[in-house]
Amino acid sequence: MALGRVSGFSLEEIAGILGSGKTLDVDRDLLLNKASELDETIQKLVAIRDGLQHAATYTAPSHLECPRFRRLMNLAATGAIKGNTLHK
């Protein structure tokens, strides 16, 4: 199940999702939980992307003058935004 692998499921989890035998016994709760995890990862990555774009286009002499940049730095420093969101 290629979709399972790119979604971050282990081979053991994929086997559990697919079940055994001729019928497909999908663990819907597991799929919904993974979808929620992916939503969180997407939100964090969007915040990181937006912060980088903002920093790249900010025109003031110092980024430290920018309240938005300072807020993003604080979020990153406190762990609210993690750079390794894909490696949970």
PDB file of N, CA and C in Angstrom:
ATOM      1  N   MET A   1       0.848  -1.180   0.000  1.00  0.00           N
ATOM      2  CA  MET A   1       0.000   0.000   0.000  1.00  0.00           C
ATOM      3  C   MET A   1       0.891   1.240   0.000  1.00  0.00           C
ATOM      4  N   ALA A   2       1.149   1.755  -1.189  1.00  0.00           N
ATOM      5  CA  ALA A   2       2.043   2.895  -1.353  1.00  0.00           C
ATOM      6  C   ALA A   2       1.539   4.124  -0.606  1.00  0.00           C
ATOM      7  N   LEU A   3       0.238   4.351  -0.605  1.00  0.00           N
ATOM      8  CA  LEU A   3      -0.321   5.509   0.105  1.00  0.00           C
ATOM      9  C   LEU A   3      -0.018   5.425   1.596  1.00  0.00           C
ATOM     10  N   GLY A   4      -0.072   4.232   2.143  1.00  0.00           N
ATOM     11  CA  GLY A   4       0.257   4.037   3.557  1.00  0.00           C
ATOM     12  C   GLY A   4       1.699   4.378   3.860  1.00  0.00           C
ATOM     13  N   ARG A   5       2.612   3.966   2.999  1.00  0.00           N
ATOM     14  CA  ARG A   5       4.040   4.256   3.212  1.00  0.00           C
ATOM     15  C   ARG A   5       4.321   5.750   3.146  1.00  0.00           C
ATOM     16  N   VAL A   6       3.800   6.433   2.136  1.00  0.00           N
ATOM     17  CA  VAL A   6       4.077   7.868   2.025  1.00  0.00           C
ATOM     18  C   VAL A   6       3.337   8.658   3.103  1.00  0.00           C
ATOM     19  N   SER A   7       2.332   8.046   3.719  1.00  0.00           N
ATOM     20  CA  SER A   7       1.607   8.698   4.811  1.00  0.00           C
ATOM     21  C   SER A   7       2.324   8.543   6.138  1.00  0.00           C
ATOM     22  N   GLY A   8       3.346   7.680   6.165  1.00  0.00           N
ATOM     23  CA  GLY A   8       4.120   7.509   7.379  1.00  0.00           C
ATOM     24  C   GLY A   8       3.773   6.277   8.190  1.00  0.00           C
ATOM     25  N   PHE A   9       2.934   5.400   7.660  1.00  0.00           N
ATOM     26  CA  PHE A   9       2.612   4.164   8.363  1.00  0.00           C
ATOM     27  C   PHE A   9       3.778   3.187   8.264  1.00  0.00           C
ATOM     28  N   SER A  10       3.982   2.412   9.323  1.00  0.00           N
ATOM     29  CA  SER A  10       4.970   1.342   9.275  1.00  0.00           C
ATOM     30  C   SER A  10       4.379   0.179   8.481  1.00  0.00           C
ATOM     31  N   LEU A  11       5.230  -0.749   8.071  1.00  0.00           N
ATOM     32  CA  LEU A  11       4.738  -1.916   7.344  1.00  0.00           C
ATOM     33  C   LEU A  11       3.786  -2.735   8.216  1.00  0.00           C
ATOM     34  N   GLU A  12       4.078  -2.804   9.510  1.00  0.00           N
ATOM     35  CA  GLU A  12       3.205  -3.522  10.441  1.00  0.00           C
ATOM     36  C   GLU A  12       1.821  -2.867  10.509  1.00  0.00           C
ATOM     37  N   GLU A  13       1.800  -1.525  10.556  1.00  0.00           N
ATOM     38  CA  GLU A  13       0.518  -0.818  10.582  1.00  0.00           C
ATOM     39  C   GLU A  13      -0.250  -1.037   9.285  1.00  0.00           C
ATOM     40  N   ILE A  14       0.452  -1.037   8.172  1.00  0.00           N
ATOM     41  CA  ILE A  14      -0.206  -1.263   6.877  1.00  0.00           C
ATOM     42  C   ILE A  14      -0.809  -2.662   6.832  1.00  0.00           C
ATOM     43  N   ALA A  15      -0.067  -3.631   7.315  1.00  0.00           N
ATOM     44  CA  ALA A  15      -0.589  -5.000   7.349  1.00  0.00           C
ATOM     45  C   ALA A  15      -1.847  -5.063   8.201  1.00  0.00           C
ATOM     46  N   GLY A  16      -1.857  -4.347   9.312  1.00  0.00           N
ATOM     47  CA  GLY A  16      -3.035  -4.310  10.168  1.00  0.00           C
ATOM     48  C   GLY A  16      -4.213  -3.628   9.509  1.00  0.00           C
ATOM     49  N   ILE A  17      -3.930  -2.600   8.749  1.00  0.00           N
ATOM     50  CA  ILE A  17      -4.989  -1.881   8.035  1.00  0.00           C
ATOM     51  C   ILE A  17      -5.619  -2.779   6.978  1.00  0.00           C
ATOM     52  N   LEU A  18      -4.774  -3.484   6.254  1.00  0.00           N
ATOM     53  CA  LEU A  18      -5.266  -4.328   5.169  1.00  0.00           C
ATOM     54  C   LEU A  18      -5.963  -5.578   5.671  1.00  0.00           C
ATOM     55  N   GLY A  19      -5.590  -6.039   6.854  1.00  0.00           N
ATOM     56  CA  GLY A  19      -6.203  -7.243   7.387  1.00  0.00           C
ATOM     57  C   GLY A  19      -5.687  -8.478   6.668  1.00  0.00           C
ATOM     58  N   SER A  20      -6.309  -9.588   6.953  1.00  0.00           N
ATOM     59  CA  SER A  20      -5.900 -10.839   6.307  1.00  0.00           C
ATOM     60  C   SER A  20      -7.091 -11.440   5.590  1.00  0.00           C
ATOM     61  N   GLY A  21      -6.809 -12.293   4.676  1.00  0.00           N
ATOM     62  CA  GLY A  21      -7.881 -12.927   3.934  1.00  0.00           C
ATOM     63  C   GLY A  21      -8.267 -12.131   2.713  1.00  0.00           C
ATOM     64  N   LYS A  22      -9.442 -12.447   2.195  1.00  0.00           N
ATOM     65  CA  LYS A  22      -9.886 -11.842   0.942  1.00  0.00           C
ATOM     66  C   LYS A  22     -10.663 -10.546   1.139  1.00  0.00           C
ATOM     67  N   THR A  23     -11.030 -10.245   2.370  1.00  0.00           N
ATOM     68  CA  THR A  23     -11.776  -9.010   2.621  1.00  0.00           C
ATOM     69  C   THR A  23     -10.840  -7.948   3.159  1.00  0.00           C
ATOM     70  N   LEU A  24     -11.120  -6.731   2.835  1.00  0.00           N
ATOM     71  CA  LEU A  24     -10.340  -5.587   3.300  1.00  0.00           C
ATOM     72  C   LEU A  24     -10.951  -5.101   4.602  1.00  0.00           C
ATOM     73  N   ASP A  25     -10.203  -5.233   5.683  1.00  0.00           N
ATOM     74  CA  ASP A  25     -10.685  -4.840   7.005  1.00  0.00           C
ATOM     75  C   ASP A  25      -9.954  -3.566   7.411  1.00  0.00           C
ATOM     76  N   VAL A  26     -10.444  -2.426   6.967  1.00  0.00           N
ATOM     77  CA  VAL A  26      -9.776  -1.147   7.180  1.00  0.00           C
ATOM     78  C   VAL A  26     -10.020  -0.655   8.601  1.00  0.00           C
ATOM     79  N   ASP A  27      -8.927  -0.304   9.294  1.00  0.00           N
ATOM     80  CA  ASP A  27      -9.018   0.295  10.629  1.00  0.00           C
ATOM     81  C   ASP A  27      -9.245   1.796  10.434  1.00  0.00           C
ATOM     82  N   ARG A  28     -10.490   2.192  10.419  1.00  0.00           N
ATOM     83  CA  ARG A  28     -10.856   3.579  10.112  1.00  0.00           C
ATOM     84  C   ARG A  28     -10.333   4.561  11.170  1.00  0.00           C
ATOM     85  N   ASP A  29     -10.323   4.142  12.426  1.00  0.00           N
ATOM     86  CA  ASP A  29      -9.808   5.026  13.475  1.00  0.00           C
ATOM     87  C   ASP A  29      -8.325   5.321  13.265  1.00  0.00           C
ATOM     88  N   LEU A  30      -7.565   4.307  12.910  1.00  0.00           N
ATOM     89  CA  LEU A  30      -6.138   4.498  12.645  1.00  0.00           C
ATOM     90  C   LEU A  30      -5.928   5.466  11.484  1.00  0.00           C
ATOM     91  N   LEU A  31      -6.725   5.312  10.434  1.00  0.00           N
ATOM     92  CA  LEU A  31      -6.616   6.215   9.283  1.00  0.00           C
ATOM     93  C   LEU A  31      -6.989   7.645   9.653  1.00  0.00           C
ATOM     94  N   LEU A  32      -8.053   7.807  10.437  1.00  0.00           N
ATOM     95  CA  LEU A  32      -8.462   9.151  10.851  1.00  0.00           C
ATOM     96  C   LEU A  32      -7.429   9.797  11.761  1.00  0.00           C
ATOM     97  N   ASN A  33      -6.817   8.997  12.649  1.00  0.00           N
ATOM     98  CA  ASN A  33      -5.760   9.534  13.513  1.00  0.00           C
ATOM     99  C   ASN A  33      -4.561   9.991  12.695  1.00  0.00           C
ATOM    100  N   LYS A  34      -4.184   9.205  11.694  1.00  0.00           N
ATOM    101  CA  LYS A  34      -3.058   9.586  10.834  1.00  0.00           C
ATOM    102  C   LYS A  34      -3.392  10.847  10.043  1.00  0.00           C
ATOM    103  N   ALA A  35      -4.635  10.953   9.571  1.00  0.00           N
ATOM    104  CA  ALA A  35      -5.059  12.156   8.836  1.00  0.00           C
ATOM    105  C   ALA A  35      -4.963  13.385   9.745  1.00  0.00           C
ATOM    106  N   SER A  36      -5.330  13.239  11.010  1.00  0.00           N
ATOM    107  CA  SER A  36      -5.227  14.356  11.963  1.00  0.00           C
ATOM    108  C   SER A  36      -3.766  14.737  12.193  1.00  0.00           C
ATOM    109  N   GLU A  37      -2.896  13.733  12.322  1.00  0.00           N
ATOM    110  CA  GLU A  37      -1.463  14.008  12.475  1.00  0.00           C
ATOM    111  C   GLU A  37      -0.933  14.769  11.264  1.00  0.00           C
ATOM    112  N   LEU A  38      -1.354  14.348  10.079  1.00  0.00           N
ATOM    113  CA  LEU A  38      -0.907  15.026   8.858  1.00  0.00           C
ATOM    114  C   LEU A  38      -1.417  16.462   8.807  1.00  0.00           C
ATOM    115  N   ASP A  39      -2.642  16.695   9.258  1.00  0.00           N
ATOM    116  CA  ASP A  39      -3.173  18.062   9.319  1.00  0.00           C
ATOM    117  C   ASP A  39      -2.309  18.945  10.222  1.00  0.00           C
ATOM    118  N   GLU A  40      -1.912  18.415  11.388  1.00  0.00           N
ATOM    119  CA  GLU A  40      -1.051  19.171  12.303  1.00  0.00           C
ATOM    120  C   GLU A  40       0.293  19.475  11.655  1.00  0.00           C
ATOM    121  N   THR A  41       0.859  18.484  10.986  1.00  0.00           N
ATOM    122  CA  THR A  41       2.142  18.674  10.311  1.00  0.00           C
ATOM    123  C   THR A  41       2.024  19.731   9.221  1.00  0.00           C
ATOM    124  N   ILE A  42       0.947  19.682   8.462  1.00  0.00           N
ATOM    125  CA  ILE A  42       0.730  20.667   7.398  1.00  0.00           C
ATOM    126  C   ILE A  42       0.637  22.066   7.983  1.00  0.00           C
ATOM    127  N   GLN A  43      -0.097  22.233   9.075  1.00  0.00           N
ATOM    128  CA  GLN A  43      -0.240  23.555   9.702  1.00  0.00           C
ATOM    129  C   GLN A  43       1.110  24.078  10.171  1.00  0.00           C
ATOM    130  N   LYS A  44       1.936  23.207  10.762  1.00  0.00           N
ATOM    131  CA  LYS A  44       3.260  23.631  11.221  1.00  0.00           C
ATOM    132  C   LYS A  44       4.147  24.001  10.043  1.00  0.00           C
ATOM    133  N   LEU A  45       4.100  23.199   8.988  1.00  0.00           N
ATOM    134  CA  LEU A  45       4.925  23.498   7.818  1.00  0.00           C
ATOM    135  C   LEU A  45       4.500  24.791   7.132  1.00  0.00           C
ATOM    136  N   VAL A  46       3.208  25.066   7.095  1.00  0.00           N
ATOM    137  CA  VAL A  46       2.718  26.324   6.523  1.00  0.00           C
ATOM    138  C   VAL A  46       3.232  27.498   7.348  1.00  0.00           C
ATOM    139  N   ALA A  47       3.207  27.369   8.675  1.00  0.00           N
ATOM    140  CA  ALA A  47       3.707  28.439   9.544  1.00  0.00           C
ATOM    141  C   ALA A  47       5.198  28.667   9.323  1.00  0.00           C
ATOM    142  N   ILE A  48       5.959  27.585   9.192  1.00  0.00           N
ATOM    143  CA  ILE A  48       7.394  27.705   8.935  1.00  0.00           C
ATOM    144  C   ILE A  48       7.640  28.361   7.576  1.00  0.00           C
ATOM    145  N   ARG A  49       6.916  27.899   6.548  1.00  0.00           N
ATOM    146  CA  ARG A  49       7.059  28.472   5.212  1.00  0.00           C
ATOM    147  C   ARG A  49       6.738  29.963   5.219  1.00  0.00           C
ATOM    148  N   ASP A  50       5.620  30.323   5.847  1.00  0.00           N
ATOM    149  CA  ASP A  50       5.221  31.728   5.896  1.00  0.00           C
ATOM    150  C   ASP A  50       6.248  32.580   6.633  1.00  0.00           C
ATOM    151  N   GLY A  51       6.812  32.030   7.700  1.00  0.00           N
ATOM    152  CA  GLY A  51       7.844  32.760   8.439  1.00  0.00           C
ATOM    153  C   GLY A  51       9.087  32.990   7.605  1.00  0.00           C
ATOM    154  N   LEU A  52       9.501  31.966   6.869  1.00  0.00           N
ATOM    155  CA  LEU A  52      10.676  32.112   6.009  1.00  0.00           C
ATOM    156  C   LEU A  52      10.430  33.112   4.887  1.00  0.00           C
ATOM    157  N   GLN A  53       9.247  33.044   4.286  1.00  0.00           N
ATOM    158  CA  GLN A  53       8.920  33.998   3.225  1.00  0.00           C
ATOM    159  C   GLN A  53       8.877  35.425   3.776  1.00  0.00           C
ATOM    160  N   HIS A  54       8.300  35.579   4.959  1.00  0.00           N
ATOM    161  CA  HIS A  54       8.219  36.908   5.563  1.00  0.00           C
ATOM    162  C   HIS A  54       9.623  37.445   5.857  1.00  0.00           C
ATOM    163  N   ALA A  55      10.481  36.584   6.415  1.00  0.00           N
ATOM    164  CA  ALA A  55      11.842  37.012   6.730  1.00  0.00           C
ATOM    165  C   ALA A  55      12.612  37.384   5.465  1.00  0.00           C
ATOM    166  N   ALA A  56      12.364  36.667   4.393  1.00  0.00           N
ATOM    167  CA  ALA A  56      13.078  36.925   3.142  1.00  0.00           C
ATOM    168  C   ALA A  56      12.647  38.226   2.477  1.00  0.00           C
ATOM    169  N   THR A  57      11.413  38.644   2.711  1.00  0.00           N
ATOM    170  CA  THR A  57      10.903  39.834   2.031  1.00  0.00           C
ATOM    171  C   THR A  57      10.783  41.053   2.936  1.00  0.00           C
ATOM    172  N   TYR A  58      11.116  40.920   4.231  1.00  0.00           N
ATOM    173  CA  TYR A  58      11.008  42.034   5.169  1.00  0.00           C
ATOM    174  C   TYR A  58      12.047  43.091   4.812  1.00  0.00           C
ATOM    175  N   THR A  59      11.637  44.327   4.738  1.00  0.00           N
ATOM    176  CA  THR A  59      12.535  45.374   4.223  1.00  0.00           C
ATOM    177  C   THR A  59      13.119  46.297   5.287  1.00  0.00           C
ATOM    178  N   ALA A  60      12.713  46.170   6.530  1.00  0.00           N
ATOM    179  CA  ALA A  60      13.280  47.028   7.586  1.00  0.00           C
ATOM    180  C   ALA A  60      14.749  46.662   7.807  1.00  0.00           C
ATOM    181  N   PRO A  61      15.523  47.576   8.382  1.00  0.00           N
ATOM    182  CA  PRO A  61      16.946  47.303   8.612  1.00  0.00           C
ATOM    183  C   PRO A  61      17.194  46.073   9.502  1.00  0.00           C
ATOM    184  N   SER A  62      16.286  45.802  10.434  1.00  0.00           N
ATOM    185  CA  SER A  62      16.480  44.679  11.343  1.00  0.00           C
ATOM    186  C   SER A  62      15.190  43.874  11.473  1.00  0.00           C
ATOM    187  N   HIS A  63      15.317  42.568  11.342  1.00  0.00           N
ATOM    188  CA  HIS A  63      14.154  41.700  11.515  1.00  0.00           C
ATOM    189  C   HIS A  63      13.620  41.764  12.945  1.00  0.00           C
ATOM    190  N   LEU A  64      14.480  42.135  13.879  1.00  0.00           N
ATOM    191  CA  LEU A  64      14.055  42.211  15.278  1.00  0.00           C
ATOM    192  C   LEU A  64      13.056  43.346  15.513  1.00  0.00           C
ATOM    193  N   GLU A  65      12.918  44.250  14.566  1.00  0.00           N
ATOM    194  CA  GLU A  65      11.921  45.321  14.661  1.00  0.00           C
ATOM    195  C   GLU A  65      10.521  44.813  14.323  1.00  0.00           C
ATOM    196  N   CYS A  66      10.437  43.656  13.727  1.00  0.00           N
ATOM    197  CA  CYS A  66       9.172  43.126  13.234  1.00  0.00           C
ATOM    198  C   CYS A  66       8.485  42.277  14.304  1.00  0.00           C
ATOM    199  N   PRO A  67       7.300  42.691  14.758  1.00  0.00           N
ATOM    200  CA  PRO A  67       6.584  41.903  15.778  1.00  0.00           C
ATOM    201  C   PRO A  67       6.256  40.484  15.308  1.00  0.00           C
ATOM    202  N   ARG A  68       5.910  40.334  14.048  1.00  0.00           N
ATOM    203  CA  ARG A  68       5.573  39.006  13.528  1.00  0.00           C
ATOM    204  C   ARG A  68       6.793  38.094  13.550  1.00  0.00           C
ATOM    205  N   PHE A  69       7.939  38.612  13.133  1.00  0.00           N
ATOM    206  CA  PHE A  69       9.162  37.821  13.140  1.00  0.00           C
ATOM    207  C   PHE A  69       9.542  37.425  14.563  1.00  0.00           C
ATOM    208  N   ARG A  70       9.447  38.368  15.509  1.00  0.00           N
ATOM    209  CA  ARG A  70       9.759  38.068  16.912  1.00  0.00           C
ATOM    210  C   ARG A  70       8.819  36.993  17.456  1.00  0.00           C
ATOM    211  N   ARG A  71       7.528  37.076  17.090  1.00  0.00           N
ATOM    212  CA  ARG A  71       6.558  36.068  17.537  1.00  0.00           C
ATOM    213  C   ARG A  71       6.918  34.692  16.990  1.00  0.00           C
ATOM    214  N   LEU A  72       7.263  34.611  15.721  1.00  0.00           N
ATOM    215  CA  LEU A  72       7.651  33.339  15.118  1.00  0.00           C
ATOM    216  C   LEU A  72       8.922  32.778  15.765  1.00  0.00           C
ATOM    217  N   MET A  73       9.865  33.659  16.070  1.00  0.00           N
ATOM    218  CA  MET A  73      11.092  33.224  16.741  1.00  0.00           C
ATOM    219  C   MET A  73      10.771  32.656  18.118  1.00  0.00           C
ATOM    220  N   ASN A  74       9.879  33.321  18.845  1.00  0.00           N
ATOM    221  CA  ASN A  74       9.488  32.827  20.167  1.00  0.00           C
ATOM    222  C   ASN A  74       8.785  31.484  20.076  1.00  0.00           C
ATOM    223  N   LEU A  75       7.898  31.327  19.092  1.00  0.00           N
ATOM    224  CA  LEU A  75       7.216  30.045  18.911  1.00  0.00           C
ATOM    225  C   LEU A  75       8.209  28.926  18.622  1.00  0.00           C
ATOM    226  N   ALA A  76       9.174  29.207  17.781  1.00  0.00           N
ATOM    227  CA  ALA A  76      10.191  28.206  17.457  1.00  0.00           C
ATOM    228  C   ALA A  76      11.047  27.889  18.684  1.00  0.00           C
ATOM    229  N   ALA A  77      11.387  28.920  19.461  1.00  0.00           N
ATOM    230  CA  ALA A  77      12.230  28.725  20.641  1.00  0.00           C
ATOM    231  C   ALA A  77      11.527  27.909  21.726  1.00  0.00           C
ATOM    232  N   THR A  78      10.224  28.057  21.836  1.00  0.00           N
ATOM    233  CA  THR A  78       9.481  27.324  22.861  1.00  0.00           C
ATOM    234  C   THR A  78       9.062  25.938  22.401  1.00  0.00           C
ATOM    235  N   GLY A  79       9.323  25.605  21.147  1.00  0.00           N
ATOM    236  CA  GLY A  79       8.967  24.288  20.637  1.00  0.00           C
ATOM    237  C   GLY A  79       7.580  24.213  20.045  1.00  0.00           C
ATOM    238  N   ALA A  80       6.860  25.338  19.994  1.00  0.00           N
ATOM    239  CA  ALA A  80       5.519  25.335  19.405  1.00  0.00           C
ATOM    240  C   ALA A  80       5.592  25.061  17.906  1.00  0.00           C
ATOM    241  N   ILE A  81       6.688  25.468  17.289  1.00  0.00           N
ATOM    242  CA  ILE A  81       6.955  25.155  15.884  1.00  0.00           C
ATOM    243  C   ILE A  81       8.265  24.394  15.871  1.00  0.00           C
ATOM    244  N   LYS A  82       8.220  23.175  15.375  1.00  0.00           N
ATOM    245  CA  LYS A  82       9.426  22.353  15.333  1.00  0.00           C
ATOM    246  C   LYS A  82       9.861  22.146  13.900  1.00  0.00           C
ATOM    247  N   GLY A  83      11.138  22.191  13.688  1.00  0.00           N
ATOM    248  CA  GLY A  83      11.667  21.985  12.348  1.00  0.00           C
ATOM    249  C   GLY A  83      11.615  20.547  11.895  1.00  0.00           C
ATOM    250  N   ASN A  84      11.442  19.615  12.826  1.00  0.00           N
ATOM    251  CA  ASN A  84      11.438  18.200  12.456  1.00  0.00           C
ATOM    252  C   ASN A  84      10.026  17.635  12.486  1.00  0.00           C
ATOM    253  N   THR A  85       9.071  18.391  12.007  1.00  0.00           N
ATOM    254  CA  THR A  85       7.682  17.970  12.083  1.00  0.00           C
ATOM    255  C   THR A  85       7.416  16.705  11.285  1.00  0.00           C
ATOM    256  N   LEU A  86       8.252  16.379  10.354  1.00  0.00           N
ATOM    257  CA  LEU A  86       8.030  15.186   9.570  1.00  0.00           C
ATOM    258  C   LEU A  86       8.584  13.935  10.238  1.00  0.00           C
ATOM    259  N   HIS A  87       9.312  14.112  11.315  1.00  0.00           N
ATOM    260  CA  HIS A  87       9.955  12.972  11.975  1.00  0.00           C
ATOM    261  C   HIS A  87       9.401  12.777  13.368  1.00  0.00           C
ATOM    262  N   LYS A  88       8.116  12.667  13.503  1.00  0.00           N
ATOM    263  CA  LYS A  88       7.506  12.491  14.818  1.00  0.00           C
ATOM    264  C   LYS A  88       7.810  11.144  15.389  1.00  0.00           C
TER     265      LYS A  88
END
